[in-house]
């Protein structure tokens, strides 16, 4: 999914603080990302999306935490529009709730740079998922949910092991040592995972594992 012009991305900002939205607008517009609207509520955004298309909806709340309710509201009326939630890294439950509500990405703002917001928006606009590194570990460590997805049902037991370790931040070399395999073999498993699950980045593998309950706590 891309904007109306080649390389252009259209974003709708949602959040309860006008000053925060203004700051996000400046960051995005500085690199040519078009902010088509800036509204206070998800209800307002859902209504506006009927006449003002956006490639990504960015939700960042100050007085409320999480973004799950906003994601659910927007996705219920516009399931094809990806939602990026901006929140805190210390609340794993809020991250899991946002993802379960349909958000395609979560950016922790605690230590985020302008480039992180830009990358997150572009990832979602390009059809990718996005999950900040600092929220991946606590979210992955949460309780697993039953998995029932056609794509990952085709994974072998070894591929599931590799996916679990990738989601926990292990490198190919570390995984190879842990499983008694070569690093090249792990690289092949990793490539097969991305092909089977239709993702192109490690962050997307992590997010897939989290959303579908494929990772269990140690």
C-alpha atoms as a PDB file:
ATOM      1  CA  UNK A   1       0.000   0.000   0.000  1.00  0.00           C
ATOM      2  CA  UNK A   2       1.453   3.371  -1.033  1.00  0.00           C
ATOM      3  CA  UNK A   3       0.299   6.939  -1.528  1.00  0.00           C
ATOM      4  CA  UNK A   4      -1.319   8.370  -4.612  1.00  0.00           C
ATOM      5  CA  UNK A   5       2.058   9.468  -6.063  1.00  0.00           C
ATOM      6  CA  UNK A   6       5.141   7.284  -6.466  1.00  0.00           C
ATOM      7  CA  UNK A   7       6.923   7.194  -3.153  1.00  0.00           C
ATOM      8  CA  UNK A   8       4.339   9.379  -1.410  1.00  0.00           C
ATOM      9  CA  UNK A   9       2.770   8.261   1.863  1.00  0.00           C
ATOM     10  CA  UNK A  10      -0.396   9.763   3.318  1.00  0.00           C
ATOM     11  CA  UNK A  11      -0.816   9.787   7.090  1.00  0.00           C
ATOM     12  CA  UNK A  12      -3.696  10.645   9.404  1.00  0.00           C
ATOM     13  CA  UNK A  13      -2.697  11.635  12.935  1.00  0.00           C
ATOM     14  CA  UNK A  14      -4.925  10.785  15.893  1.00  0.00           C
ATOM     15  CA  UNK A  15      -4.268  11.899  19.454  1.00  0.00           C
ATOM     16  CA  UNK A  16      -5.667  13.834  22.377  1.00  0.00           C
ATOM     17  CA  UNK A  17      -2.884  16.443  22.493  1.00  0.00           C
ATOM     18  CA  UNK A  18      -2.711  19.007  19.637  1.00  0.00           C
ATOM     19  CA  UNK A  19       0.874  19.954  20.478  1.00  0.00           C
ATOM     20  CA  UNK A  20       2.025  16.343  20.226  1.00  0.00           C
ATOM     21  CA  UNK A  21       0.243  15.901  16.910  1.00  0.00           C
ATOM     22  CA  UNK A  22       1.850  19.095  15.654  1.00  0.00           C
ATOM     23  CA  UNK A  23       5.290  17.728  16.532  1.00  0.00           C
ATOM     24  CA  UNK A  24       4.620  14.466  14.726  1.00  0.00           C
ATOM     25  CA  UNK A  25       3.369  16.410  11.701  1.00  0.00           C
ATOM     26  CA  UNK A  26       6.614  18.388  11.502  1.00  0.00           C
ATOM     27  CA  UNK A  27       8.725  15.230  11.682  1.00  0.00           C
ATOM     28  CA  UNK A  28       6.776  13.452   8.939  1.00  0.00           C
ATOM     29  CA  UNK A  29       6.384  16.398   6.601  1.00  0.00           C
ATOM     30  CA  UNK A  30      10.108  17.156   6.847  1.00  0.00           C
ATOM     31  CA  UNK A  31      10.753  14.026   4.743  1.00  0.00           C
ATOM     32  CA  UNK A  32       7.851  14.433   2.337  1.00  0.00           C
ATOM     33  CA  UNK A  33       5.265  12.293   4.104  1.00  0.00           C
ATOM     34  CA  UNK A  34       1.884  13.985   3.678  1.00  0.00           C
ATOM     35  CA  UNK A  35      -0.261  14.483   6.772  1.00  0.00           C
ATOM     36  CA  UNK A  36      -3.765  14.552   5.316  1.00  0.00           C
ATOM     37  CA  UNK A  37      -5.553  15.142   8.620  1.00  0.00           C
ATOM     38  CA  UNK A  38      -4.945  15.578  12.352  1.00  0.00           C
ATOM     39  CA  UNK A  39      -7.826  14.747  14.678  1.00  0.00           C
ATOM     40  CA  UNK A  40      -8.374  14.218  18.396  1.00  0.00           C
ATOM     41  CA  UNK A  41     -10.344  10.964  18.427  1.00  0.00           C
ATOM     42  CA  UNK A  42     -10.484   7.606  16.689  1.00  0.00           C
ATOM     43  CA  UNK A  43     -14.194   8.131  16.037  1.00  0.00           C
ATOM     44  CA  UNK A  44     -13.349  11.340  14.198  1.00  0.00           C
ATOM     45  CA  UNK A  45     -10.630   9.588  12.244  1.00  0.00           C
ATOM     46  CA  UNK A  46     -12.909   6.710  11.253  1.00  0.00           C
ATOM     47  CA  UNK A  47     -15.483   9.163   9.931  1.00  0.00           C
ATOM     48  CA  UNK A  48     -12.905  11.247   8.081  1.00  0.00           C
ATOM     49  CA  UNK A  49     -11.354   8.198   6.422  1.00  0.00           C
ATOM     50  CA  UNK A  50     -14.545   7.772   4.404  1.00  0.00           C
ATOM     51  CA  UNK A  51     -13.687  10.881   2.394  1.00  0.00           C
ATOM     52  CA  UNK A  52      -9.978  11.396   3.122  1.00  0.00           C
ATOM     53  CA  UNK A  53      -7.938   8.273   2.344  1.00  0.00           C
ATOM     54  CA  UNK A  54      -4.762   7.598   4.309  1.00  0.00           C
ATOM     55  CA  UNK A  55      -2.090   4.955   3.891  1.00  0.00           C
ATOM     56  CA  UNK A  56      -1.362   4.857   7.631  1.00  0.00           C
ATOM     57  CA  UNK A  57      -3.195   6.075  10.730  1.00  0.00           C
ATOM     58  CA  UNK A  58      -0.868   7.057  13.569  1.00  0.00           C
ATOM     59  CA  UNK A  59      -2.412   6.915  17.041  1.00  0.00           C
ATOM     60  CA  UNK A  60      -0.623   8.629  19.913  1.00  0.00           C
ATOM     61  CA  UNK A  61      -2.484   9.383  23.144  1.00  0.00           C
ATOM     62  CA  UNK A  62      -1.285  11.336  26.162  1.00  0.00           C
ATOM     63  CA  UNK A  63      -4.140  11.240  28.687  1.00  0.00           C
ATOM     64  CA  UNK A  64      -4.971   7.622  27.819  1.00  0.00           C
ATOM     65  CA  UNK A  65      -2.580   4.713  27.494  1.00  0.00           C
ATOM     66  CA  UNK A  66      -2.426   1.819  25.115  1.00  0.00           C
ATOM     67  CA  UNK A  67      -4.168   2.628  21.845  1.00  0.00           C
ATOM     68  CA  UNK A  68      -6.197  -0.600  21.738  1.00  0.00           C
ATOM     69  CA  UNK A  69      -9.599   1.101  21.749  1.00  0.00           C
ATOM     70  CA  UNK A  70      -8.510   3.527  19.043  1.00  0.00           C
ATOM     71  CA  UNK A  71      -7.104   0.729  16.893  1.00  0.00           C
ATOM     72  CA  UNK A  72     -10.304  -1.276  17.220  1.00  0.00           C
ATOM     73  CA  UNK A  73     -12.479   1.726  16.320  1.00  0.00           C
ATOM     74  CA  UNK A  74     -10.482   2.552  13.203  1.00  0.00           C
ATOM     75  CA  UNK A  75      -9.999  -1.022  12.032  1.00  0.00           C
ATOM     76  CA  UNK A  76     -13.670  -1.897  12.465  1.00  0.00           C
ATOM     77  CA  UNK A  77     -14.666   0.538   9.749  1.00  0.00           C
ATOM     78  CA  UNK A  78     -11.480   0.483   7.706  1.00  0.00           C
ATOM     79  CA  UNK A  79      -9.845  -2.956   8.016  1.00  0.00           C
ATOM     80  CA  UNK A  80      -7.442  -2.307   5.135  1.00  0.00           C
ATOM     81  CA  UNK A  81      -5.929   0.790   6.752  1.00  0.00           C
ATOM     82  CA  UNK A  82      -2.902  -0.040   8.946  1.00  0.00           C
ATOM     83  CA  UNK A  83      -2.715   1.545  12.386  1.00  0.00           C
ATOM     84  CA  UNK A  84       0.537   2.508  14.113  1.00  0.00           C
ATOM     85  CA  UNK A  85       0.295   3.027  17.874  1.00  0.00           C
ATOM     86  CA  UNK A  86       2.764   5.305  19.650  1.00  0.00           C
ATOM     87  CA  UNK A  87       3.108   4.465  23.326  1.00  0.00           C
ATOM     88  CA  UNK A  88       5.392   3.414  26.150  1.00  0.00           C
ATOM     89  CA  UNK A  89       7.827   0.538  26.260  1.00  0.00           C
ATOM     90  CA  UNK A  90       7.116  -0.466  29.864  1.00  0.00           C
ATOM     91  CA  UNK A  91       3.543  -1.665  29.401  1.00  0.00           C
ATOM     92  CA  UNK A  92       3.671  -5.025  27.640  1.00  0.00           C
ATOM     93  CA  UNK A  93      -0.032  -5.627  28.244  1.00  0.00           C
ATOM     94  CA  UNK A  94      -0.900  -2.387  26.438  1.00  0.00           C
ATOM     95  CA  UNK A  95       1.263  -3.454  23.499  1.00  0.00           C
ATOM     96  CA  UNK A  96      -0.374  -6.883  23.320  1.00  0.00           C
ATOM     97  CA  UNK A  97      -3.833  -5.309  23.577  1.00  0.00           C
ATOM     98  CA  UNK A  98      -3.086  -2.887  20.747  1.00  0.00           C
ATOM     99  CA  UNK A  99      -1.836  -5.685  18.503  1.00  0.00           C
ATOM    100  CA  UNK A 100      -4.813  -7.886  19.370  1.00  0.00           C
ATOM    101  CA  UNK A 101      -7.115  -4.964  18.473  1.00  0.00           C
ATOM    102  CA  UNK A 102      -5.646  -4.883  14.977  1.00  0.00           C
ATOM    103  CA  UNK A 103      -2.738  -2.442  15.158  1.00  0.00           C
ATOM    104  CA  UNK A 104      -0.063  -3.307  12.606  1.00  0.00           C
ATOM    105  CA  UNK A 105       2.737  -1.646  14.539  1.00  0.00           C
ATOM    106  CA  UNK A 106       3.813  -0.263  17.898  1.00  0.00           C
ATOM    107  CA  UNK A 107       6.506   2.373  18.387  1.00  0.00           C
ATOM    108  CA  UNK A 108       7.771   2.987  21.927  1.00  0.00           C
ATOM    109  CA  UNK A 109       8.387   6.714  22.304  1.00  0.00           C
ATOM    110  CA  UNK A 110      10.579   6.508  25.423  1.00  0.00           C
ATOM    111  CA  UNK A 111      13.852   6.633  23.489  1.00  0.00           C
ATOM    112  CA  UNK A 112      12.553   6.984  19.940  1.00  0.00           C
ATOM    113  CA  UNK A 113      14.231   9.283  17.434  1.00  0.00           C
ATOM    114  CA  UNK A 114      12.541  11.126  14.571  1.00  0.00           C
ATOM    115  CA  UNK A 115      13.929   8.485  12.194  1.00  0.00           C
ATOM    116  CA  UNK A 116      12.155   5.724  14.129  1.00  0.00           C
ATOM    117  CA  UNK A 117       8.751   7.323  13.550  1.00  0.00           C
ATOM    118  CA  UNK A 118       9.559   7.801   9.872  1.00  0.00           C
ATOM    119  CA  UNK A 119      10.707   4.199   9.496  1.00  0.00           C
ATOM    120  CA  UNK A 120       7.633   2.862  11.305  1.00  0.00           C
ATOM    121  CA  UNK A 121       5.259   4.824   9.085  1.00  0.00           C
ATOM    122  CA  UNK A 122       7.042   3.781   5.904  1.00  0.00           C
ATOM    123  CA  UNK A 123       7.099   0.139   7.013  1.00  0.00           C
ATOM    124  CA  UNK A 124       3.330   0.046   7.506  1.00  0.00           C
ATOM    125  CA  UNK A 125       2.704   1.952   4.273  1.00  0.00           C
ATOM    126  CA  UNK A 126       4.792  -0.660   2.462  1.00  0.00           C
ATOM    127  CA  UNK A 127       2.717  -3.516   3.839  1.00  0.00           C
ATOM    128  CA  UNK A 128       5.113  -4.461   6.638  1.00  0.00           C
ATOM    129  CA  UNK A 129       4.512  -4.750  10.363  1.00  0.00           C
ATOM    130  CA  UNK A 130       6.616  -2.760  12.839  1.00  0.00           C
ATOM    131  CA  UNK A 131       7.522  -3.375  16.460  1.00  0.00           C
ATOM    132  CA  UNK A 132      10.084  -1.398  18.442  1.00  0.00           C
ATOM    133  CA  UNK A 133      12.993  -3.508  19.601  1.00  0.00           C
ATOM    134  CA  UNK A 134      12.560  -2.376  23.204  1.00  0.00           C
ATOM    135  CA  UNK A 135       8.960  -3.632  23.377  1.00  0.00           C
ATOM    136  CA  UNK A 136       9.594  -6.933  21.593  1.00  0.00           C
ATOM    137  CA  UNK A 137      11.175  -8.793  24.514  1.00  0.00           C
ATOM    138  CA  UNK A 138       8.540  -8.019  27.196  1.00  0.00           C
ATOM    139  CA  UNK A 139       5.708  -8.658  24.762  1.00  0.00           C
ATOM    140  CA  UNK A 140       7.186 -11.948  23.571  1.00  0.00           C
ATOM    141  CA  UNK A 141       7.659 -13.052  27.171  1.00  0.00           C
ATOM    142  CA  UNK A 142       3.936 -12.767  27.802  1.00  0.00           C
ATOM    143  CA  UNK A 143       1.469 -15.663  27.856  1.00  0.00           C
ATOM    144  CA  UNK A 144       0.992 -17.402  24.546  1.00  0.00           C
ATOM    145  CA  UNK A 145      -2.375 -17.478  22.796  1.00  0.00           C
ATOM    146  CA  UNK A 146      -3.703 -20.452  20.836  1.00  0.00           C
ATOM    147  CA  UNK A 147      -2.403 -20.403  17.299  1.00  0.00           C
ATOM    148  CA  UNK A 148      -4.770 -21.114  14.422  1.00  0.00           C
ATOM    149  CA  UNK A 149      -3.338 -19.617  11.248  1.00  0.00           C
ATOM    150  CA  UNK A 150      -2.986 -21.357   7.906  1.00  0.00           C
ATOM    151  CA  UNK A 151       0.448 -19.848   7.182  1.00  0.00           C
ATOM    152  CA  UNK A 152       2.212 -20.861  10.371  1.00  0.00           C
ATOM    153  CA  UNK A 153       0.421 -24.203  10.504  1.00  0.00           C
ATOM    154  CA  UNK A 154       2.786 -25.184   7.682  1.00  0.00           C
ATOM    155  CA  UNK A 155       5.907 -24.547   9.760  1.00  0.00           C
ATOM    156  CA  UNK A 156       8.022 -27.518  10.771  1.00  0.00           C
ATOM    157  CA  UNK A 157       8.924 -28.058  14.410  1.00  0.00           C
ATOM    158  CA  UNK A 158      12.471 -26.868  13.672  1.00  0.00           C
ATOM    159  CA  UNK A 159      11.181 -23.711  11.990  1.00  0.00           C
ATOM    160  CA  UNK A 160       9.018 -22.992  15.030  1.00  0.00           C
ATOM    161  CA  UNK A 161      12.092 -23.363  17.243  1.00  0.00           C
ATOM    162  CA  UNK A 162      14.024 -20.939  15.061  1.00  0.00           C
ATOM    163  CA  UNK A 163      11.114 -18.476  15.009  1.00  0.00           C
ATOM    164  CA  UNK A 164      10.916 -18.555  18.818  1.00  0.00           C
ATOM    165  CA  UNK A 165      14.620 -17.800  19.158  1.00  0.00           C
ATOM    166  CA  UNK A 166      14.537 -15.079  16.489  1.00  0.00           C
ATOM    167  CA  UNK A 167      11.643 -13.463  18.357  1.00  0.00           C
ATOM    168  CA  UNK A 168      13.778 -13.491  21.493  1.00  0.00           C
ATOM    169  CA  UNK A 169      16.478 -11.513  19.735  1.00  0.00           C
ATOM    170  CA  UNK A 170      18.973 -14.326  19.098  1.00  0.00           C
ATOM    171  CA  UNK A 171      21.373 -14.048  16.153  1.00  0.00           C
ATOM    172  CA  UNK A 172      21.798 -16.795  13.556  1.00  0.00           C
ATOM    173  CA  UNK A 173      25.101 -17.802  15.151  1.00  0.00           C
ATOM    174  CA  UNK A 174      23.570 -17.984  18.642  1.00  0.00           C
ATOM    175  CA  UNK A 175      20.638 -20.043  17.376  1.00  0.00           C
ATOM    176  CA  UNK A 176      23.026 -22.389  15.562  1.00  0.00           C
ATOM    177  CA  UNK A 177      24.943 -23.058  18.776  1.00  0.00           C
ATOM    178  CA  UNK A 178      21.752 -23.595  20.782  1.00  0.00           C
ATOM    179  CA  UNK A 179      20.276 -26.043  18.257  1.00  0.00           C
ATOM    180  CA  UNK A 180      23.505 -27.742  17.257  1.00  0.00           C
ATOM    181  CA  UNK A 181      23.260 -26.646  13.629  1.00  0.00           C
ATOM    182  CA  UNK A 182      25.357 -24.509  11.297  1.00  0.00           C
ATOM    183  CA  UNK A 183      24.770 -20.784  10.921  1.00  0.00           C
ATOM    184  CA  UNK A 184      24.086 -21.353   7.210  1.00  0.00           C
ATOM    185  CA  UNK A 185      21.330 -23.834   8.058  1.00  0.00           C
ATOM    186  CA  UNK A 186      19.733 -21.324  10.412  1.00  0.00           C
ATOM    187  CA  UNK A 187      19.916 -18.677   7.680  1.00  0.00           C
ATOM    188  CA  UNK A 188      18.015 -21.039   5.371  1.00  0.00           C
ATOM    189  CA  UNK A 189      15.375 -21.691   8.056  1.00  0.00           C
ATOM    190  CA  UNK A 190      15.058 -17.947   8.610  1.00  0.00           C
ATOM    191  CA  UNK A 191      14.574 -17.315   4.886  1.00  0.00           C
ATOM    192  CA  UNK A 192      11.941 -20.069   4.724  1.00  0.00           C
ATOM    193  CA  UNK A 193      10.131 -18.513   7.695  1.00  0.00           C
ATOM    194  CA  UNK A 194       9.941 -15.151   5.965  1.00  0.00           C
ATOM    195  CA  UNK A 195       8.682 -16.770   2.774  1.00  0.00           C
ATOM    196  CA  UNK A 196       6.049 -18.899   4.518  1.00  0.00           C
ATOM    197  CA  UNK A 197       4.797 -16.079   6.730  1.00  0.00           C
ATOM    198  CA  UNK A 198       4.997 -13.504   3.896  1.00  0.00           C
ATOM    199  CA  UNK A 199       7.213 -11.023   5.740  1.00  0.00           C
ATOM    200  CA  UNK A 200      10.489  -9.364   4.756  1.00  0.00           C
ATOM    201  CA  UNK A 201      12.024  -8.130   8.000  1.00  0.00           C
ATOM    202  CA  UNK A 202      13.025  -9.587  11.354  1.00  0.00           C
ATOM    203  CA  UNK A 203      10.764  -7.112  13.168  1.00  0.00           C
ATOM    204  CA  UNK A 204       7.843  -8.497  11.196  1.00  0.00           C
ATOM    205  CA  UNK A 205       8.752 -12.051  12.225  1.00  0.00           C
ATOM    206  CA  UNK A 206       8.755 -10.961  15.861  1.00  0.00           C
ATOM    207  CA  UNK A 207       5.411  -9.205  15.533  1.00  0.00           C
ATOM    208  CA  UNK A 208       3.878 -12.213  13.755  1.00  0.00           C
ATOM    209  CA  UNK A 209       5.041 -14.537  16.533  1.00  0.00           C
ATOM    210  CA  UNK A 210       3.590 -12.236  19.189  1.00  0.00           C
ATOM    211  CA  UNK A 211       0.237 -11.709  17.523  1.00  0.00           C
ATOM    212  CA  UNK A 212      -0.337 -15.407  16.856  1.00  0.00           C
ATOM    213  CA  UNK A 213       0.838 -16.790  20.195  1.00  0.00           C
ATOM    214  CA  UNK A 214       3.752 -18.712  18.735  1.00  0.00           C
ATOM    215  CA  UNK A 215       6.170 -17.690  21.494  1.00  0.00           C
ATOM    216  CA  UNK A 216       6.094 -19.046  25.023  1.00  0.00           C
ATOM    217  CA  UNK A 217       7.896 -17.737  28.080  1.00  0.00           C
ATOM    218  CA  UNK A 218      11.098 -19.496  29.200  1.00  0.00           C
END
